[in-house]
Amino acid sequence: FIAEVFWRIYFKGYLEQRPAIWADYVTARDGALA
């Protein structure tokens, strides 16, 4: 259970160090919706 709590924190930290992943997701999502 402790590991599951840390998975959420890990994902936050990983994306915080690679914010372009989110930016590219948004762009590609909008293209996929179109």
PDB file of all heavy atoms in Angstrom:
ATOM      1  N   PHE A   1       0.830  -1.203   0.000  1.00  0.00           N
ATOM      2  CA  PHE A   1       0.000   0.000   0.000  1.00  0.00           C
ATOM      3  C   PHE A   1       0.866   1.256   0.000  1.00  0.00           C
ATOM      4  O   PHE A   1       0.581   2.220  -0.715  1.00  0.00           O
ATOM      5  CB  PHE A   1      -0.945   0.020   1.202  1.00  0.00           C
ATOM      6  CG  PHE A   1      -1.812   1.255   1.223  1.00  0.00           C
ATOM      7  CD1 PHE A   1      -2.904   1.349   0.379  1.00  0.00           C
ATOM      8  CD2 PHE A   1      -1.511   2.325   2.050  1.00  0.00           C
ATOM      9  CE1 PHE A   1      -3.695   2.497   0.362  1.00  0.00           C
ATOM     10  CE2 PHE A   1      -2.289   3.469   2.046  1.00  0.00           C
ATOM     11  CZ  PHE A   1      -3.394   3.556   1.199  1.00  0.00           C
ATOM     12  N   ILE A   2       1.918   1.258   0.795  1.00  0.00           N
ATOM     13  CA  ILE A   2       2.821   2.406   0.827  1.00  0.00           C
ATOM     14  C   ILE A   2       3.393   2.661  -0.565  1.00  0.00           C
ATOM     15  O   ILE A   2       3.473   3.810  -1.022  1.00  0.00           O
ATOM     16  CB  ILE A   2       3.949   2.165   1.846  1.00  0.00           C
ATOM     17  CG1 ILE A   2       3.377   2.168   3.273  1.00  0.00           C
ATOM     18  CG2 ILE A   2       5.049   3.219   1.709  1.00  0.00           C
ATOM     19  CD1 ILE A   2       4.367   1.687   4.319  1.00  0.00           C
ATOM     20  N   ALA A   3       3.752   1.593  -1.271  1.00  0.00           N
ATOM     21  CA  ALA A   3       4.285   1.739  -2.626  1.00  0.00           C
ATOM     22  C   ALA A   3       3.258   2.376  -3.549  1.00  0.00           C
ATOM     23  O   ALA A   3       3.600   3.209  -4.401  1.00  0.00           O
ATOM     24  CB  ALA A   3       4.724   0.388  -3.176  1.00  0.00           C
ATOM     25  N   GLU A   4       1.976   2.014  -3.397  1.00  0.00           N
ATOM     26  CA  GLU A   4       0.938   2.599  -4.253  1.00  0.00           C
ATOM     27  C   GLU A   4       0.817   4.100  -4.019  1.00  0.00           C
ATOM     28  O   GLU A   4       0.620   4.871  -4.956  1.00  0.00           O
ATOM     29  CB  GLU A   4      -0.397   1.913  -4.002  1.00  0.00           C
ATOM     30  CG  GLU A   4      -0.506   0.532  -4.614  1.00  0.00           C
ATOM     31  CD  GLU A   4      -0.267   0.544  -6.115  1.00  0.00           C
ATOM     32  OE1 GLU A   4      -0.895   1.346  -6.818  1.00  0.00           O
ATOM     33  OE2 GLU A   4       0.568  -0.256  -6.585  1.00  0.00           O
ATOM     34  N   VAL A   5       0.919   4.523  -2.774  1.00  0.00           N
ATOM     35  CA  VAL A   5       0.893   5.962  -2.485  1.00  0.00           C
ATOM     36  C   VAL A   5       2.083   6.648  -3.158  1.00  0.00           C
ATOM     37  O   VAL A   5       1.957   7.725  -3.744  1.00  0.00           O
ATOM     38  CB  VAL A   5       0.897   6.209  -0.962  1.00  0.00           C
ATOM     39  CG1 VAL A   5       0.996   7.709  -0.663  1.00  0.00           C
ATOM     40  CG2 VAL A   5      -0.353   5.618  -0.317  1.00  0.00           C
ATOM     41  N   PHE A   6       3.228   6.014  -3.099  1.00  0.00           N
ATOM     42  CA  PHE A   6       4.423   6.606  -3.713  1.00  0.00           C
ATOM     43  C   PHE A   6       4.374   6.570  -5.238  1.00  0.00           C
ATOM     44  O   PHE A   6       5.024   7.391  -5.886  1.00  0.00           O
ATOM     45  CB  PHE A   6       5.683   5.916  -3.192  1.00  0.00           C
ATOM     46  CG  PHE A   6       6.237   6.561  -1.951  1.00  0.00           C
ATOM     47  CD1 PHE A   6       5.833   6.140  -0.693  1.00  0.00           C
ATOM     48  CD2 PHE A   6       7.148   7.606  -2.044  1.00  0.00           C
ATOM     49  CE1 PHE A   6       6.334   6.746   0.450  1.00  0.00           C
ATOM     50  CE2 PHE A   6       7.658   8.217  -0.909  1.00  0.00           C
ATOM     51  CZ  PHE A   6       7.253   7.788   0.344  1.00  0.00           C
ATOM     52  N   TRP A   7       3.631   5.651  -5.824  1.00  0.00           N
ATOM     53  CA  TRP A   7       3.466   5.675  -7.281  1.00  0.00           C
ATOM     54  C   TRP A   7       2.852   6.993  -7.731  1.00  0.00           C
ATOM     55  O   TRP A   7       3.261   7.578  -8.741  1.00  0.00           O
ATOM     56  CB  TRP A   7       2.595   4.500  -7.745  1.00  0.00           C
ATOM     57  CG  TRP A   7       3.359   3.290  -8.176  1.00  0.00           C
ATOM     58  CD1 TRP A   7       3.567   2.150  -7.458  1.00  0.00           C
ATOM     59  CD2 TRP A   7       4.021   3.089  -9.435  1.00  0.00           C
ATOM     60  NE1 TRP A   7       4.316   1.253  -8.197  1.00  0.00           N
ATOM     61  CE2 TRP A   7       4.610   1.802  -9.415  1.00  0.00           C
ATOM     62  CE3 TRP A   7       4.180   3.874 -10.580  1.00  0.00           C
ATOM     63  CZ2 TRP A   7       5.337   1.284 -10.490  1.00  0.00           C
ATOM     64  CZ3 TRP A   7       4.903   3.358 -11.661  1.00  0.00           C
ATOM     65  CH2 TRP A   7       5.464   2.083 -11.610  1.00  0.00           C
ATOM     66  N   ARG A   8       1.865   7.474  -7.000  1.00  0.00           N
ATOM     67  CA  ARG A   8       1.233   8.752  -7.363  1.00  0.00           C
ATOM     68  C   ARG A   8       2.246   9.891  -7.265  1.00  0.00           C
ATOM     69  O   ARG A   8       2.281  10.777  -8.127  1.00  0.00           O
ATOM     70  CB  ARG A   8       0.033   9.040  -6.443  1.00  0.00           C
ATOM     71  CG  ARG A   8      -1.130   8.080  -6.612  1.00  0.00           C
ATOM     72  CD  ARG A   8      -2.280   8.451  -5.688  1.00  0.00           C
ATOM     73  NE  ARG A   8      -2.811   9.770  -6.008  1.00  0.00           N
ATOM     74  CZ  ARG A   8      -3.723  10.008  -6.933  1.00  0.00           C
ATOM     75  NH1 ARG A   8      -4.214   9.015  -7.647  1.00  0.00           N
ATOM     76  NH2 ARG A   8      -4.156  11.232  -7.156  1.00  0.00           N
ATOM     77  N   ILE A   9       3.056   9.866  -6.210  1.00  0.00           N
ATOM     78  CA  ILE A   9       4.055  10.915  -6.031  1.00  0.00           C
ATOM     79  C   ILE A   9       5.133  10.794  -7.113  1.00  0.00           C
ATOM     80  O   ILE A   9       5.608  11.801  -7.659  1.00  0.00           O
ATOM     81  CB  ILE A   9       4.667  10.833  -4.620  1.00  0.00           C
ATOM     82  CG1 ILE A   9       3.574  10.893  -3.552  1.00  0.00           C
ATOM     83  CG2 ILE A   9       5.663  11.978  -4.411  1.00  0.00           C
ATOM     84  CD1 ILE A   9       4.069  10.581  -2.157  1.00  0.00           C
ATOM     85  N   TYR A  10       5.532   9.558  -7.416  1.00  0.00           N
ATOM     86  CA  TYR A  10       6.525   9.312  -8.465  1.00  0.00           C
ATOM     87  C   TYR A  10       6.066   9.879  -9.801  1.00  0.00           C
ATOM     88  O   TYR A  10       6.823  10.567 -10.502  1.00  0.00           O
ATOM     89  CB  TYR A  10       6.778   7.807  -8.591  1.00  0.00           C
ATOM     90  CG  TYR A  10       7.339   7.382  -9.924  1.00  0.00           C
ATOM     91  CD1 TYR A  10       8.676   7.621 -10.262  1.00  0.00           C
ATOM     92  CD2 TYR A  10       6.532   6.738 -10.863  1.00  0.00           C
ATOM     93  CE1 TYR A  10       9.188   7.227 -11.494  1.00  0.00           C
ATOM     94  CE2 TYR A  10       7.032   6.340 -12.092  1.00  0.00           C
ATOM     95  CZ  TYR A  10       8.357   6.595 -12.406  1.00  0.00           C
ATOM     96  OH  TYR A  10       8.846   6.215 -13.629  1.00  0.00           O
ATOM     97  N   PHE A  11       4.827   9.591 -10.185  1.00  0.00           N
ATOM     98  CA  PHE A  11       4.325  10.087 -11.464  1.00  0.00           C
ATOM     99  C   PHE A  11       4.363  11.621 -11.508  1.00  0.00           C
ATOM    100  O   PHE A  11       4.708  12.216 -12.534  1.00  0.00           O
ATOM    101  CB  PHE A  11       2.901   9.584 -11.702  1.00  0.00           C
ATOM    102  CG  PHE A  11       2.823   8.187 -12.258  1.00  0.00           C
ATOM    103  CD1 PHE A  11       1.829   7.309 -11.825  1.00  0.00           C
ATOM    104  CD2 PHE A  11       3.715   7.742 -13.214  1.00  0.00           C
ATOM    105  CE1 PHE A  11       1.744   6.022 -12.345  1.00  0.00           C
ATOM    106  CE2 PHE A  11       3.633   6.456 -13.745  1.00  0.00           C
ATOM    107  CZ  PHE A  11       2.646   5.597 -13.304  1.00  0.00           C
ATOM    108  N   LYS A  12       3.998  12.260 -10.402  1.00  0.00           N
ATOM    109  CA  LYS A  12       4.057  13.728 -10.341  1.00  0.00           C
ATOM    110  C   LYS A  12       5.482  14.213 -10.587  1.00  0.00           C
ATOM    111  O   LYS A  12       5.720  15.127 -11.380  1.00  0.00           O
ATOM    112  CB  LYS A  12       3.590  14.217  -8.963  1.00  0.00           C
ATOM    113  CG  LYS A  12       2.108  14.115  -8.702  1.00  0.00           C
ATOM    114  CD  LYS A  12       1.344  15.249  -9.341  1.00  0.00           C
ATOM    115  CE  LYS A  12      -0.070  15.313  -8.780  1.00  0.00           C
ATOM    116  NZ  LYS A  12      -0.911  16.254  -9.528  1.00  0.00           N
ATOM    117  N   GLY A  13       6.429  13.602  -9.885  1.00  0.00           N
ATOM    118  CA  GLY A  13       7.813  14.027 -10.021  1.00  0.00           C
ATOM    119  C   GLY A  13       8.364  13.760 -11.399  1.00  0.00           C
ATOM    120  O   GLY A  13       9.137  14.566 -11.941  1.00  0.00           O
ATOM    121  N   TYR A  14       7.992  12.633 -11.996  1.00  0.00           N
ATOM    122  CA  TYR A  14       8.473  12.290 -13.342  1.00  0.00           C
ATOM    123  C   TYR A  14       7.967  13.307 -14.359  1.00  0.00           C
ATOM    124  O   TYR A  14       8.741  13.803 -15.195  1.00  0.00           O
ATOM    125  CB  TYR A  14       7.987  10.887 -13.706  1.00  0.00           C
ATOM    126  CG  TYR A  14       8.577  10.346 -14.987  1.00  0.00           C
ATOM    127  CD1 TYR A  14       9.686   9.506 -14.959  1.00  0.00           C
ATOM    128  CD2 TYR A  14       8.027  10.655 -16.232  1.00  0.00           C
ATOM    129  CE1 TYR A  14      10.240   8.995 -16.125  1.00  0.00           C
ATOM    130  CE2 TYR A  14       8.562  10.161 -17.404  1.00  0.00           C
ATOM    131  CZ  TYR A  14       9.672   9.330 -17.342  1.00  0.00           C
ATOM    132  OH  TYR A  14      10.206   8.835 -18.511  1.00  0.00           O
ATOM    133  N   LEU A  15       6.677  13.623 -14.298  1.00  0.00           N
ATOM    134  CA  LEU A  15       6.115  14.577 -15.263  1.00  0.00           C
ATOM    135  C   LEU A  15       6.639  15.982 -15.017  1.00  0.00           C
ATOM    136  O   LEU A  15       6.832  16.755 -15.956  1.00  0.00           O
ATOM    137  CB  LEU A  15       4.588  14.563 -15.193  1.00  0.00           C
ATOM    138  CG  LEU A  15       3.874  15.287 -16.339  1.00  0.00           C
ATOM    139  CD1 LEU A  15       4.192  14.634 -17.683  1.00  0.00           C
ATOM    140  CD2 LEU A  15       2.367  15.317 -16.114  1.00  0.00           C
ATOM    141  N   GLU A  16       6.906  16.303 -13.750  1.00  0.00           N
ATOM    142  CA  GLU A  16       7.433  17.637 -13.441  1.00  0.00           C
ATOM    143  C   GLU A  16       8.808  17.829 -14.074  1.00  0.00           C
ATOM    144  O   GLU A  16       9.177  18.952 -14.427  1.00  0.00           O
ATOM    145  CB  GLU A  16       7.519  17.804 -11.925  1.00  0.00           C
ATOM    146  CG  GLU A  16       7.503  19.245 -11.450  1.00  0.00           C
ATOM    147  CD  GLU A  16       6.243  19.991 -11.856  1.00  0.00           C
ATOM    148  OE1 GLU A  16       5.176  19.357 -12.014  1.00  0.00           O
ATOM    149  OE2 GLU A  16       6.328  21.223 -12.025  1.00  0.00           O
ATOM    150  N   GLN A  17       9.551  16.751 -14.230  1.00  0.00           N
ATOM    151  CA  GLN A  17      10.870  16.837 -14.864  1.00  0.00           C
ATOM    152  C   GLN A  17      10.802  16.710 -16.388  1.00  0.00           C
ATOM    153  O   GLN A  17      11.801  16.934 -17.070  1.00  0.00           O
ATOM    154  CB  GLN A  17      11.778  15.739 -14.305  1.00  0.00           C
ATOM    155  CG  GLN A  17      12.053  15.901 -12.818  1.00  0.00           C
ATOM    156  CD  GLN A  17      12.947  14.814 -12.261  1.00  0.00           C
ATOM    157  OE1 GLN A  17      14.155  14.807 -12.501  1.00  0.00           O
ATOM    158  NE2 GLN A  17      12.376  13.897 -11.505  1.00  0.00           N
ATOM    159  N   ARG A  18       9.616  16.369 -16.893  1.00  0.00           N
ATOM    160  CA  ARG A  18       9.423  16.224 -18.340  1.00  0.00           C
ATOM    161  C   ARG A  18       8.080  16.834 -18.738  1.00  0.00           C
ATOM    162  O   ARG A  18       7.193  16.138 -19.270  1.00  0.00           O
ATOM    163  CB  ARG A  18       9.470  14.745 -18.725  1.00  0.00           C
ATOM    164  CG  ARG A  18      10.804  14.077 -18.426  1.00  0.00           C
ATOM    165  CD  ARG A  18      10.673  12.576 -18.533  1.00  0.00           C
ATOM    166  NE  ARG A  18      11.938  11.898 -18.265  1.00  0.00           N
ATOM    167  CZ  ARG A  18      12.384  11.610 -17.051  1.00  0.00           C
ATOM    168  NH1 ARG A  18      11.669  11.963 -15.981  1.00  0.00           N
ATOM    169  NH2 ARG A  18      13.533  10.982 -16.876  1.00  0.00           N
ATOM    170  N   PRO A  19       7.867  18.117 -18.510  1.00  0.00           N
ATOM    171  CA  PRO A  19       6.561  18.728 -18.789  1.00  0.00           C
ATOM    172  C   PRO A  19       6.167  18.680 -20.261  1.00  0.00           C
ATOM    173  O   PRO A  19       4.987  18.800 -20.585  1.00  0.00           O
ATOM    174  CB  PRO A  19       6.741  20.171 -18.310  1.00  0.00           C
ATOM    175  CG  PRO A  19       8.229  20.412 -18.334  1.00  0.00           C
ATOM    176  CD  PRO A  19       8.838  19.095 -17.978  1.00  0.00           C
ATOM    177  N   ALA A  20       7.137  18.481 -21.153  1.00  0.00           N
ATOM    178  CA  ALA A  20       6.816  18.395 -22.581  1.00  0.00           C
ATOM    179  C   ALA A  20       5.931  17.184 -22.879  1.00  0.00           C
ATOM    180  O   ALA A  20       5.207  17.186 -23.883  1.00  0.00           O
ATOM    181  CB  ALA A  20       8.088  18.339 -23.418  1.00  0.00           C
ATOM    182  N   ILE A  21       5.984  16.155 -22.034  1.00  0.00           N
ATOM    183  CA  ILE A  21       5.104  15.004 -22.236  1.00  0.00           C
ATOM    184  C   ILE A  21       3.654  15.446 -22.169  1.00  0.00           C
ATOM    185  O   ILE A  21       2.821  15.046 -22.998  1.00  0.00           O
ATOM    186  CB  ILE A  21       5.387  13.903 -21.194  1.00  0.00           C
ATOM    187  CG1 ILE A  21       6.748  13.247 -21.460  1.00  0.00           C
ATOM    188  CG2 ILE A  21       4.283  12.852 -21.197  1.00  0.00           C
ATOM    189  CD1 ILE A  21       7.122  12.190 -20.429  1.00  0.00           C
ATOM    190  N   TRP A  22       3.343  16.275 -21.185  1.00  0.00           N
ATOM    191  CA  TRP A  22       1.964  16.763 -21.058  1.00  0.00           C
ATOM    192  C   TRP A  22       1.606  17.686 -22.226  1.00  0.00           C
ATOM    193  O   TRP A  22       0.524  17.559 -22.817  1.00  0.00           O
ATOM    194  CB  TRP A  22       1.763  17.492 -19.735  1.00  0.00           C
ATOM    195  CG  TRP A  22       0.430  18.185 -19.663  1.00  0.00           C
ATOM    196  CD1 TRP A  22       0.183  19.514 -19.809  1.00  0.00           C
ATOM    197  CD2 TRP A  22      -0.844  17.560 -19.457  1.00  0.00           C
ATOM    198  NE1 TRP A  22      -1.166  19.774 -19.709  1.00  0.00           N
ATOM    199  CE2 TRP A  22      -1.816  18.594 -19.494  1.00  0.00           C
ATOM    200  CE3 TRP A  22      -1.258  16.249 -19.242  1.00  0.00           C
ATOM    201  CZ2 TRP A  22      -3.185  18.336 -19.329  1.00  0.00           C
ATOM    202  CZ3 TRP A  22      -2.616  16.000 -19.082  1.00  0.00           C
ATOM    203  CH2 TRP A  22      -3.559  17.032 -19.120  1.00  0.00           C
ATOM    204  N   ALA A  23       2.500  18.591 -22.578  1.00  0.00           N
ATOM    205  CA  ALA A  23       2.230  19.523 -23.672  1.00  0.00           C
ATOM    206  C   ALA A  23       1.993  18.769 -24.978  1.00  0.00           C
ATOM    207  O   ALA A  23       1.071  19.094 -25.746  1.00  0.00           O
ATOM    208  CB  ALA A  23       3.383  20.513 -23.828  1.00  0.00           C
ATOM    209  N   ASP A  24       2.812  17.753 -25.246  1.00  0.00           N
ATOM    210  CA  ASP A  24       2.644  16.967 -26.467  1.00  0.00           C
ATOM    211  C   ASP A  24       1.369  16.139 -26.425  1.00  0.00           C
ATOM    212  O   ASP A  24       0.709  15.939 -27.453  1.00  0.00           O
ATOM    213  CB  ASP A  24       3.850  16.062 -26.686  1.00  0.00           C
ATOM    214  CG  ASP A  24       5.076  16.832 -27.154  1.00  0.00           C
ATOM    215  OD1 ASP A  24       4.971  18.063 -27.369  1.00  0.00           O
ATOM    216  OD2 ASP A  24       6.149  16.213 -27.292  1.00  0.00           O
ATOM    217  N   TYR A  25       1.008  15.643 -25.243  1.00  0.00           N
ATOM    218  CA  TYR A  25      -0.256  14.918 -25.107  1.00  0.00           C
ATOM    219  C   TYR A  25      -1.426  15.817 -25.484  1.00  0.00           C
ATOM    220  O   TYR A  25      -2.322  15.403 -26.233  1.00  0.00           O
ATOM    221  CB  TYR A  25      -0.432  14.394 -23.676  1.00  0.00           C
ATOM    222  CG  TYR A  25      -1.877  14.162 -23.310  1.00  0.00           C
ATOM    223  CD1 TYR A  25      -2.559  13.054 -23.803  1.00  0.00           C
ATOM    224  CD2 TYR A  25      -2.566  15.073 -22.522  1.00  0.00           C
ATOM    225  CE1 TYR A  25      -3.901  12.861 -23.503  1.00  0.00           C
ATOM    226  CE2 TYR A  25      -3.910  14.887 -22.213  1.00  0.00           C
ATOM    227  CZ  TYR A  25      -4.574  13.772 -22.702  1.00  0.00           C
ATOM    228  OH  TYR A  25      -5.909  13.598 -22.411  1.00  0.00           O
ATOM    229  N   VAL A  26      -1.430  17.041 -24.981  1.00  0.00           N
ATOM    230  CA  VAL A  26      -2.530  17.965 -25.255  1.00  0.00           C
ATOM    231  C   VAL A  26      -2.647  18.242 -26.758  1.00  0.00           C
ATOM    232  O   VAL A  26      -3.744  18.197 -27.334  1.00  0.00           O
ATOM    233  CB  VAL A  26      -2.343  19.272 -24.473  1.00  0.00           C
ATOM    234  CG1 VAL A  26      -3.335  20.340 -24.932  1.00  0.00           C
ATOM    235  CG2 VAL A  26      -2.506  19.023 -22.974  1.00  0.00           C
ATOM    236  N   THR A  27      -1.522  18.505 -27.384  1.00  0.00           N
ATOM    237  CA  THR A  27      -1.532  18.782 -28.826  1.00  0.00           C
ATOM    238  C   THR A  27      -2.039  17.570 -29.614  1.00  0.00           C
ATOM    239  O   THR A  27      -2.892  17.700 -30.502  1.00  0.00           O
ATOM    240  CB  THR A  27      -0.123  19.158 -29.301  1.00  0.00           C
ATOM    241  OG1 THR A  27       0.306  20.331 -28.608  1.00  0.00           O
ATOM    242  CG2 THR A  27      -0.108  19.426 -30.796  1.00  0.00           C
ATOM    243  N   ALA A  28      -1.511  16.386 -29.296  1.00  0.00           N
ATOM    244  CA  ALA A  28      -1.918  15.182 -30.014  1.00  0.00           C
ATOM    245  C   ALA A  28      -3.361  14.802 -29.699  1.00  0.00           C
ATOM    246  O   ALA A  28      -4.079  14.289 -30.572  1.00  0.00           O
ATOM    247  CB  ALA A  28      -0.978  14.034 -29.665  1.00  0.00           C
ATOM    248  N   ARG A  29      -3.792  15.020 -28.479  1.00  0.00           N
ATOM    249  CA  ARG A  29      -5.189  14.756 -28.119  1.00  0.00           C
ATOM    250  C   ARG A  29      -6.136  15.585 -28.956  1.00  0.00           C
ATOM    251  O   ARG A  29      -7.134  15.100 -29.503  1.00  0.00           O
ATOM    252  CB  ARG A  29      -5.406  15.061 -26.637  1.00  0.00           C
ATOM    253  CG  ARG A  29      -6.852  14.982 -26.168  1.00  0.00           C
ATOM    254  CD  ARG A  29      -7.075  15.849 -24.940  1.00  0.00           C
ATOM    255  NE  ARG A  29      -6.902  17.273 -25.241  1.00  0.00           N
ATOM    256  CZ  ARG A  29      -6.773  18.214 -24.309  1.00  0.00           C
ATOM    257  NH1 ARG A  29      -6.756  17.879 -23.026  1.00  0.00           N
ATOM    258  NH2 ARG A  29      -6.646  19.484 -24.651  1.00  0.00           N
ATOM    259  N   ASP A  30      -5.826  16.872 -29.075  1.00  0.00           N
ATOM    260  CA  ASP A  30      -6.685  17.754 -29.861  1.00  0.00           C
ATOM    261  C   ASP A  30      -6.718  17.321 -31.330  1.00  0.00           C
ATOM    262  O   ASP A  30      -7.763  17.374 -31.982  1.00  0.00           O
ATOM    263  CB  ASP A  30      -6.202  19.203 -29.747  1.00  0.00           C
ATOM    264  CG  ASP A  30      -6.389  19.763 -28.346  1.00  0.00           C
ATOM    265  OD1 ASP A  30      -7.086  19.119 -27.537  1.00  0.00           O
ATOM    266  OD2 ASP A  30      -5.833  20.849 -28.057  1.00  0.00           O
ATOM    267  N   GLY A  31      -5.571  16.857 -31.836  1.00  0.00           N
ATOM    268  CA  GLY A  31      -5.538  16.353 -33.201  1.00  0.00           C
ATOM    269  C   GLY A  31      -6.356  15.085 -33.354  1.00  0.00           C
ATOM    270  O   GLY A  31      -7.054  14.901 -34.363  1.00  0.00           O
ATOM    271  N   ALA A  32      -6.285  14.209 -32.355  1.00  0.00           N
ATOM    272  CA  ALA A  32      -7.048  12.962 -32.407  1.00  0.00           C
ATOM    273  C   ALA A  32      -8.549  13.230 -32.320  1.00  0.00           C
ATOM    274  O   ALA A  32      -9.354  12.561 -32.983  1.00  0.00           O
ATOM    275  CB  ALA A  32      -6.605  12.037 -31.280  1.00  0.00           C
ATOM    276  N   LEU A  33      -8.938  14.195 -31.500  1.00  0.00           N
ATOM    277  CA  LEU A  33     -10.356  14.554 -31.411  1.00  0.00           C
ATOM    278  C   LEU A  33     -10.855  15.138 -32.729  1.00  0.00           C
ATOM    279  O   LEU A  33     -11.973  14.848 -33.172  1.00  0.00           O
ATOM    280  CB  LEU A  33     -10.577  15.546 -30.269  1.00  0.00           C
ATOM    281  CG  LEU A  33     -10.421  14.982 -28.853  1.00  0.00           C
ATOM    282  CD1 LEU A  33     -10.418  16.102 -27.821  1.00  0.00           C
ATOM    283  CD2 LEU A  33     -11.547  13.980 -28.545  1.00  0.00           C
ATOM    284  N   ALA A  34     -10.027  15.951 -33.372  1.00  0.00           N
ATOM    285  CA  ALA A  34     -10.398  16.517 -34.664  1.00  0.00           C
ATOM    286  C   ALA A  34     -10.541  15.421 -35.716  1.00  0.00           C
ATOM    287  O   ALA A  34     -11.414  15.481 -36.588  1.00  0.00           O
ATOM    288  CB  ALA A  34      -9.365  17.549 -35.104  1.00  0.00           C
TER     289      ALA A  34
END
